[in-house]
């Protein structure tokens, strides 16, 4: 059986402000980096035993 999902912690103060700013201004990713990530994703998907189409 699956374990129950824990409550998501709530951020307050400086942590909350910093998190909100990071969400508003995500870091830019170069096309080269994006291509590398996609290749990595495809590789790990190919070796995975989990089938998403079931």
PDB file of N, CA and C in Angstrom:
ATOM      1  N   UNK A   1       0.837  -1.194   0.000  1.00  0.00           N
ATOM      2  CA  UNK A   1       0.000   0.000   0.000  1.00  0.00           C
ATOM      3  C   UNK A   1       0.873   1.245   0.000  1.00  0.00           C
ATOM      4  N   UNK A   2       0.341   2.280  -0.571  1.00  0.00           N
ATOM      5  CA  UNK A   2       1.062   3.552  -0.634  1.00  0.00           C
ATOM      6  C   UNK A   2       1.035   4.245   0.727  1.00  0.00           C
ATOM      7  N   UNK A   3       2.091   4.982   0.971  1.00  0.00           N
ATOM      8  CA  UNK A   3       2.136   5.772   2.207  1.00  0.00           C
ATOM      9  C   UNK A   3       1.327   7.046   2.004  1.00  0.00           C
ATOM     10  N   UNK A   4       0.725   7.576   3.049  1.00  0.00           N
ATOM     11  CA  UNK A   4      -0.044   8.814   2.912  1.00  0.00           C
ATOM     12  C   UNK A   4       0.860   9.990   2.537  1.00  0.00           C
ATOM     13  N   UNK A   5       0.305  10.924   1.796  1.00  0.00           N
ATOM     14  CA  UNK A   5       1.042  12.118   1.384  1.00  0.00           C
ATOM     15  C   UNK A   5       1.052  13.102   2.549  1.00  0.00           C
ATOM     16  N   UNK A   6       2.244  13.605   2.878  1.00  0.00           N
ATOM     17  CA  UNK A   6       2.367  14.561   3.975  1.00  0.00           C
ATOM     18  C   UNK A   6       1.891  15.935   3.514  1.00  0.00           C
ATOM     19  N   UNK A   7       1.536  16.764   4.485  1.00  0.00           N
ATOM     20  CA  UNK A   7       1.123  18.132   4.170  1.00  0.00           C
ATOM     21  C   UNK A   7       2.295  18.908   3.591  1.00  0.00           C
ATOM     22  N   UNK A   8       1.987  19.813   2.659  1.00  0.00           N
ATOM     23  CA  UNK A   8       3.007  20.676   2.081  1.00  0.00           C
ATOM     24  C   UNK A   8       3.344  21.775   3.086  1.00  0.00           C
ATOM     25  N   UNK A   9       4.629  21.981   3.363  1.00  0.00           N
ATOM     26  CA  UNK A   9       4.977  23.037   4.315  1.00  0.00           C
ATOM     27  C   UNK A   9       4.646  24.425   3.757  1.00  0.00           C
ATOM     28  N   UNK A  10       4.317  25.333   4.632  1.00  0.00           N
ATOM     29  CA  UNK A  10       3.999  26.708   4.248  1.00  0.00           C
ATOM     30  C   UNK A  10       5.210  27.574   4.547  1.00  0.00           C
ATOM     31  N   UNK A  11       5.568  28.414   3.576  1.00  0.00           N
ATOM     32  CA  UNK A  11       6.708  29.310   3.751  1.00  0.00           C
ATOM     33  C   UNK A  11       6.236  30.645   4.308  1.00  0.00           C
ATOM     34  N   UNK A  12       7.061  31.222   5.171  1.00  0.00           N
ATOM     35  CA  UNK A  12       6.751  32.513   5.772  1.00  0.00           C
ATOM     36  C   UNK A  12       7.953  33.436   5.644  1.00  0.00           C
ATOM     37  N   UNK A  13       7.709  34.720   5.753  1.00  0.00           N
ATOM     38  CA  UNK A  13       8.779  35.708   5.847  1.00  0.00           C
ATOM     39  C   UNK A  13       9.702  35.748   4.651  1.00  0.00           C
ATOM     40  N   UNK A  14      10.990  35.838   4.929  1.00  0.00           N
ATOM     41  CA  UNK A  14      12.010  35.970   3.885  1.00  0.00           C
ATOM     42  C   UNK A  14      12.021  34.762   2.947  1.00  0.00           C
ATOM     43  N   UNK A  15      11.794  33.565   3.481  1.00  0.00           N
ATOM     44  CA  UNK A  15      11.752  32.367   2.631  1.00  0.00           C
ATOM     45  C   UNK A  15      10.628  32.480   1.601  1.00  0.00           C
ATOM     46  N   UNK A  16       9.459  32.944   2.038  1.00  0.00           N
ATOM     47  CA  UNK A  16       8.315  33.082   1.139  1.00  0.00           C
ATOM     48  C   UNK A  16       8.595  34.137   0.069  1.00  0.00           C
ATOM     49  N   UNK A  17       9.185  35.270   0.468  1.00  0.00           N
ATOM     50  CA  UNK A  17       9.487  36.330  -0.487  1.00  0.00           C
ATOM     51  C   UNK A  17      10.484  35.833  -1.533  1.00  0.00           C
ATOM     52  N   UNK A  18      11.544  35.149  -1.091  1.00  0.00           N
ATOM     53  CA  UNK A  18      12.571  34.641  -1.994  1.00  0.00           C
ATOM     54  C   UNK A  18      11.982  33.606  -2.966  1.00  0.00           C
ATOM     55  N   UNK A  19      11.140  32.718  -2.460  1.00  0.00           N
ATOM     56  CA  UNK A  19      10.506  31.707  -3.303  1.00  0.00           C
ATOM     57  C   UNK A  19       9.615  32.364  -4.356  1.00  0.00           C
ATOM     58  N   UNK A  20       8.842  33.352  -3.953  1.00  0.00           N
ATOM     59  CA  UNK A  20       7.954  34.033  -4.889  1.00  0.00           C
ATOM     60  C   UNK A  20       8.752  34.724  -5.995  1.00  0.00           C
ATOM     61  N   UNK A  21       9.852  35.360  -5.648  1.00  0.00           N
ATOM     62  CA  UNK A  21      10.700  36.007  -6.654  1.00  0.00           C
ATOM     63  C   UNK A  21      11.289  34.985  -7.631  1.00  0.00           C
ATOM     64  N   UNK A  22      11.716  33.845  -7.112  1.00  0.00           N
ATOM     65  CA  UNK A  22      12.250  32.799  -7.985  1.00  0.00           C
ATOM     66  C   UNK A  22      11.186  32.285  -8.950  1.00  0.00           C
ATOM     67  N   UNK A  23       9.944  32.203  -8.510  1.00  0.00           N
ATOM     68  CA  UNK A  23       8.863  31.737  -9.381  1.00  0.00           C
ATOM     69  C   UNK A  23       8.501  32.787 -10.433  1.00  0.00           C
ATOM     70  N   UNK A  24       8.625  34.066 -10.083  1.00  0.00           N
ATOM     71  CA  UNK A  24       8.309  35.135 -11.031  1.00  0.00           C
ATOM     72  C   UNK A  24       9.377  35.273 -12.109  1.00  0.00           C
ATOM     73  N   UNK A  25      10.635  35.001 -11.753  1.00  0.00           N
ATOM     74  CA  UNK A  25      11.753  35.197 -12.679  1.00  0.00           C
ATOM     75  C   UNK A  25      12.580  33.920 -12.784  1.00  0.00           C
ATOM     76  N   UNK A  26      12.043  32.920 -13.505  1.00  0.00           N
ATOM     77  CA  UNK A  26      12.806  31.678 -13.624  1.00  0.00           C
ATOM     78  C   UNK A  26      14.101  31.885 -14.398  1.00  0.00           C
ATOM     79  N   UNK A  27      15.051  31.053 -14.115  1.00  0.00           N
ATOM     80  CA  UNK A  27      16.359  31.140 -14.750  1.00  0.00           C
ATOM     81  C   UNK A  27      16.223  30.771 -16.228  1.00  0.00           C
ATOM     82  N   UNK A  28      16.940  31.479 -17.085  1.00  0.00           N
ATOM     83  CA  UNK A  28      16.920  31.213 -18.517  1.00  0.00           C
ATOM     84  C   UNK A  28      17.762  29.979 -18.817  1.00  0.00           C
ATOM     85  N   UNK A  29      17.281  29.151 -19.744  1.00  0.00           N
ATOM     86  CA  UNK A  29      17.993  27.941 -20.128  1.00  0.00           C
ATOM     87  C   UNK A  29      18.345  28.061 -21.608  1.00  0.00           C
ATOM     88  N   UNK A  30      19.614  27.847 -21.927  1.00  0.00           N
ATOM     89  CA  UNK A  30      20.050  27.947 -23.312  1.00  0.00           C
ATOM     90  C   UNK A  30      19.468  26.793 -24.130  1.00  0.00           C
ATOM     91  N   UNK A  31      19.405  26.969 -25.429  1.00  0.00           N
ATOM     92  CA  UNK A  31      18.883  25.919 -26.292  1.00  0.00           C
ATOM     93  C   UNK A  31      19.782  24.687 -26.243  1.00  0.00           C
ATOM     94  N   UNK A  32      21.084  24.905 -26.070  1.00  0.00           N
ATOM     95  CA  UNK A  32      22.019  23.784 -25.961  1.00  0.00           C
ATOM     96  C   UNK A  32      21.729  22.971 -24.697  1.00  0.00           C
ATOM     97  N   UNK A  33      21.505  23.661 -23.594  1.00  0.00           N
ATOM     98  CA  UNK A  33      21.189  22.987 -22.336  1.00  0.00           C
ATOM     99  C   UNK A  33      19.849  22.258 -22.439  1.00  0.00           C
ATOM    100  N   UNK A  34      18.864  22.882 -23.068  1.00  0.00           N
ATOM    101  CA  UNK A  34      17.557  22.262 -23.240  1.00  0.00           C
ATOM    102  C   UNK A  34      17.677  20.990 -24.082  1.00  0.00           C
ATOM    103  N   UNK A  35      18.468  21.040 -25.127  1.00  0.00           N
ATOM    104  CA  UNK A  35      18.687  19.867 -25.984  1.00  0.00           C
ATOM    105  C   UNK A  35      19.352  18.741 -25.193  1.00  0.00           C
ATOM    106  N   UNK A  36      20.337  19.083 -24.356  1.00  0.00           N
ATOM    107  CA  UNK A  36      21.010  18.076 -23.534  1.00  0.00           C
ATOM    108  C   UNK A  36      20.035  17.436 -22.564  1.00  0.00           C
ATOM    109  N   UNK A  37      19.181  18.248 -21.954  1.00  0.00           N
ATOM    110  CA  UNK A  37      18.207  17.720 -21.004  1.00  0.00           C
ATOM    111  C   UNK A  37      17.210  16.783 -21.693  1.00  0.00           C
ATOM    112  N   UNK A  38      16.789  17.151 -22.896  1.00  0.00           N
ATOM    113  CA  UNK A  38      15.851  16.303 -23.634  1.00  0.00           C
ATOM    114  C   UNK A  38      16.490  14.968 -23.998  1.00  0.00           C
ATOM    115  N   UNK A  39      17.766  14.990 -24.389  1.00  0.00           N
ATOM    116  CA  UNK A  39      18.479  13.751 -24.711  1.00  0.00           C
ATOM    117  C   UNK A  39      18.613  12.881 -23.462  1.00  0.00           C
ATOM    118  N   UNK A  40      18.940  13.512 -22.326  1.00  0.00           N
ATOM    119  CA  UNK A  40      19.035  12.772 -21.069  1.00  0.00           C
ATOM    120  C   UNK A  40      17.688  12.146 -20.701  1.00  0.00           C
ATOM    121  N   UNK A  41      16.625  12.919 -20.873  1.00  0.00           N
ATOM    122  CA  UNK A  41      15.284  12.423 -20.562  1.00  0.00           C
ATOM    123  C   UNK A  41      14.950  11.208 -21.427  1.00  0.00           C
ATOM    124  N   UNK A  42      15.210  11.306 -22.717  1.00  0.00           N
ATOM    125  CA  UNK A  42      14.928  10.201 -23.630  1.00  0.00           C
ATOM    126  C   UNK A  42      15.744   8.966 -23.263  1.00  0.00           C
ATOM    127  N   UNK A  43      17.000   9.178 -22.860  1.00  0.00           N
ATOM    128  CA  UNK A  43      17.843   8.051 -22.453  1.00  0.00           C
ATOM    129  C   UNK A  43      17.249   7.351 -21.239  1.00  0.00           C
ATOM    130  N   UNK A  44      16.921   8.113 -20.201  1.00  0.00           N
ATOM    131  CA  UNK A  44      16.392   7.504 -18.986  1.00  0.00           C
ATOM    132  C   UNK A  44      15.025   6.870 -19.234  1.00  0.00           C
ATOM    133  N   UNK A  45      14.238   7.458 -20.107  1.00  0.00           N
ATOM    134  CA  UNK A  45      12.957   6.879 -20.456  1.00  0.00           C
ATOM    135  C   UNK A  45      13.165   5.534 -21.148  1.00  0.00           C
ATOM    136  N   UNK A  46      14.210   5.440 -21.979  1.00  0.00           N
ATOM    137  CA  UNK A  46      14.464   4.203 -22.715  1.00  0.00           C
ATOM    138  C   UNK A  46      14.937   3.067 -21.809  1.00  0.00           C
ATOM    139  N   UNK A  47      15.594   3.376 -20.708  1.00  0.00           N
ATOM    140  CA  UNK A  47      16.081   2.320 -19.823  1.00  0.00           C
ATOM    141  C   UNK A  47      15.127   2.045 -18.662  1.00  0.00           C
ATOM    142  N   UNK A  48      14.072   2.827 -18.573  1.00  0.00           N
ATOM    143  CA  UNK A  48      13.112   2.658 -17.488  1.00  0.00           C
ATOM    144  C   UNK A  48      12.265   1.415 -17.713  1.00  0.00           C
ATOM    145  N   UNK A  49      11.901   0.750 -16.629  1.00  0.00           N
ATOM    146  CA  UNK A  49      11.023  -0.410 -16.718  1.00  0.00           C
ATOM    147  C   UNK A  49       9.563  -0.005 -16.602  1.00  0.00           C
ATOM    148  N   UNK A  50       9.315   1.254 -16.283  1.00  0.00           N
ATOM    149  CA  UNK A  50       7.957   1.755 -16.125  1.00  0.00           C
ATOM    150  C   UNK A  50       7.405   2.128 -17.484  1.00  0.00           C
ATOM    151  N   UNK A  51       6.234   1.656 -17.809  1.00  0.00           N
ATOM    152  CA  UNK A  51       5.612   1.960 -19.092  1.00  0.00           C
ATOM    153  C   UNK A  51       4.447   2.914 -18.869  1.00  0.00           C
ATOM    154  N   UNK A  52       4.553   4.125 -19.404  1.00  0.00           N
ATOM    155  CA  UNK A  52       3.533   5.161 -19.218  1.00  0.00           C
ATOM    156  C   UNK A  52       2.257   4.848 -19.991  1.00  0.00           C
ATOM    157  N   UNK A  53       2.322   3.954 -20.964  1.00  0.00           N
ATOM    158  CA  UNK A  53       1.162   3.688 -21.833  1.00  0.00           C
ATOM    159  C   UNK A  53       0.262   2.581 -21.309  1.00  0.00           C
ATOM    160  N   UNK A  54       0.539   2.062 -20.133  1.00  0.00           N
ATOM    161  CA  UNK A  54      -0.310   0.986 -19.598  1.00  0.00           C
ATOM    162  C   UNK A  54      -1.506   1.536 -18.902  1.00  0.00           C
TER     163      UNK A  54
END
